[in-house]
Amino acid sequence: MESTSPSYKGHRYPVEVISHCVWLYFRFPLSFREVEELMLERGVTVSHETVRRWCRKFGQTYANALRRRQPRPGDK
């Protein structure tokens, strides 16, 4: 099974915005609406439904990366 990076082609928002929204959702216990509010505070207008779609499409890649970065038992 080969791992390929997700394609951001055809999306209206920059890769940085999409990846930050998905990262927020998977890293912290936030709802889609809370991520929407956080992005609105940063000046980015995005709906909770858009965040949900991004998390569904790109989320597994980010979740796997976050799990890999977590410290393992016995790490110093």
C-alpha atoms as a PDB file:
ATOM      1  CA  MET A   1       0.000   0.000   0.000  1.00  0.00           C
ATOM      2  CA  GLU A   2       1.614   3.247  -1.037  1.00  0.00           C
ATOM      3  CA  SER A   3       1.175   6.559   0.724  1.00  0.00           C
ATOM      4  CA  THR A   4       0.460   9.532  -1.516  1.00  0.00           C
ATOM      5  CA  SER A   5       0.020  13.117  -0.450  1.00  0.00           C
ATOM      6  CA  PRO A   6      -3.480  14.534  -0.844  1.00  0.00           C
ATOM      7  CA  SER A   7      -4.166  16.742  -3.847  1.00  0.00           C
ATOM      8  CA  TYR A   8      -5.254  20.304  -3.129  1.00  0.00           C
ATOM      9  CA  LYS A   9      -5.917  21.042  -6.787  1.00  0.00           C
ATOM     10  CA  GLY A  10      -9.251  22.696  -7.419  1.00  0.00           C
ATOM     11  CA  HIS A  11      -9.678  24.049  -3.906  1.00  0.00           C
ATOM     12  CA  ARG A  12     -10.414  27.724  -3.500  1.00  0.00           C
ATOM     13  CA  TYR A  13      -8.434  28.207  -0.284  1.00  0.00           C
ATOM     14  CA  PRO A  14      -4.634  28.036   0.010  1.00  0.00           C
ATOM     15  CA  VAL A  15      -3.033  24.841   1.247  1.00  0.00           C
ATOM     16  CA  GLU A  16      -1.974  26.587   4.475  1.00  0.00           C
ATOM     17  CA  VAL A  17      -5.584  27.426   5.394  1.00  0.00           C
ATOM     18  CA  ILE A  18      -6.862  23.933   4.639  1.00  0.00           C
ATOM     19  CA  SER A  19      -4.055  22.225   6.527  1.00  0.00           C
ATOM     20  CA  HIS A  20      -4.427  24.545   9.525  1.00  0.00           C
ATOM     21  CA  CYS A  21      -8.176  23.870   9.781  1.00  0.00           C
ATOM     22  CA  VAL A  22      -7.698  20.114   9.551  1.00  0.00           C
ATOM     23  CA  TRP A  23      -4.813  20.263  12.031  1.00  0.00           C
ATOM     24  CA  LEU A  24      -6.930  22.238  14.522  1.00  0.00           C
ATOM     25  CA  TYR A  25      -9.783  19.761  14.278  1.00  0.00           C
ATOM     26  CA  PHE A  26      -7.650  16.652  14.769  1.00  0.00           C
ATOM     27  CA  ARG A  27      -5.161  18.084  17.267  1.00  0.00           C
ATOM     28  CA  PHE A  28      -7.616  19.650  19.727  1.00  0.00           C
ATOM     29  CA  PRO A  29     -11.104  18.576  20.860  1.00  0.00           C
ATOM     30  CA  LEU A  30     -12.902  21.135  18.677  1.00  0.00           C
ATOM     31  CA  SER A  31     -16.093  20.943  16.679  1.00  0.00           C
ATOM     32  CA  PHE A  32     -16.341  22.051  13.069  1.00  0.00           C
ATOM     33  CA  ARG A  33     -18.148  25.194  14.188  1.00  0.00           C
ATOM     34  CA  GLU A  34     -15.413  26.008  16.685  1.00  0.00           C
ATOM     35  CA  VAL A  35     -12.784  25.684  13.966  1.00  0.00           C
ATOM     36  CA  GLU A  36     -14.953  27.969  11.824  1.00  0.00           C
ATOM     37  CA  GLU A  37     -15.005  30.570  14.638  1.00  0.00           C
ATOM     38  CA  LEU A  38     -11.243  30.345  15.177  1.00  0.00           C
ATOM     39  CA  MET A  39     -10.607  30.916  11.491  1.00  0.00           C
ATOM     40  CA  LEU A  40     -13.047  33.839  11.476  1.00  0.00           C
ATOM     41  CA  GLU A  41     -10.998  35.442  14.271  1.00  0.00           C
ATOM     42  CA  ARG A  42      -7.969  35.151  11.981  1.00  0.00           C
ATOM     43  CA  GLY A  43      -9.863  36.843   9.158  1.00  0.00           C
ATOM     44  CA  VAL A  44     -10.637  33.728   7.102  1.00  0.00           C
ATOM     45  CA  THR A  45     -14.305  33.170   6.326  1.00  0.00           C
ATOM     46  CA  VAL A  46     -14.948  29.449   5.967  1.00  0.00           C
ATOM     47  CA  SER A  47     -18.092  27.482   6.780  1.00  0.00           C
ATOM     48  CA  HIS A  48     -18.222  24.551   9.169  1.00  0.00           C
ATOM     49  CA  GLU A  49     -19.442  22.374   6.294  1.00  0.00           C
ATOM     50  CA  THR A  50     -16.292  23.183   4.315  1.00  0.00           C
ATOM     51  CA  VAL A  51     -14.150  22.269   7.316  1.00  0.00           C
ATOM     52  CA  ARG A  52     -16.071  18.987   7.594  1.00  0.00           C
ATOM     53  CA  ARG A  53     -15.397  18.168   3.933  1.00  0.00           C
ATOM     54  CA  TRP A  54     -11.698  18.968   4.304  1.00  0.00           C
ATOM     55  CA  CYS A  55     -11.442  16.798   7.405  1.00  0.00           C
ATOM     56  CA  ARG A  56     -13.125  13.947   5.590  1.00  0.00           C
ATOM     57  CA  LYS A  57     -10.854  14.269   2.541  1.00  0.00           C
ATOM     58  CA  PHE A  58      -7.502  15.159   4.145  1.00  0.00           C
ATOM     59  CA  GLY A  59      -8.013  14.107   7.749  1.00  0.00           C
ATOM     60  CA  GLN A  60      -6.573  10.613   7.708  1.00  0.00           C
ATOM     61  CA  THR A  61      -3.212  11.891   6.460  1.00  0.00           C
ATOM     62  CA  TYR A  62      -3.024  14.480   9.238  1.00  0.00           C
ATOM     63  CA  ALA A  63      -4.246  12.088  11.926  1.00  0.00           C
ATOM     64  CA  ASN A  64      -1.592   9.531  10.954  1.00  0.00           C
ATOM     65  CA  ALA A  65       1.119  12.201  11.052  1.00  0.00           C
ATOM     66  CA  LEU A  66       0.003  13.395  14.489  1.00  0.00           C
ATOM     67  CA  ARG A  67       0.025   9.840  15.826  1.00  0.00           C
ATOM     68  CA  ARG A  68       3.541   9.284  14.515  1.00  0.00           C
ATOM     69  CA  ARG A  69       4.786  12.423  16.284  1.00  0.00           C
ATOM     70  CA  GLN A  70       3.376  11.502  19.693  1.00  0.00           C
ATOM     71  CA  PRO A  71       5.974  10.354  22.213  1.00  0.00           C
ATOM     72  CA  ARG A  72       6.092   6.633  22.804  1.00  0.00           C
ATOM     73  CA  PRO A  73       6.319   4.982  26.221  1.00  0.00           C
ATOM     74  CA  GLY A  74       9.927   5.005  27.380  1.00  0.00           C
ATOM     75  CA  ASP A  75      10.920   8.023  25.263  1.00  0.00           C
ATOM     76  CA  LYS A  76      12.984  10.663  26.986  1.00  0.00           C
END
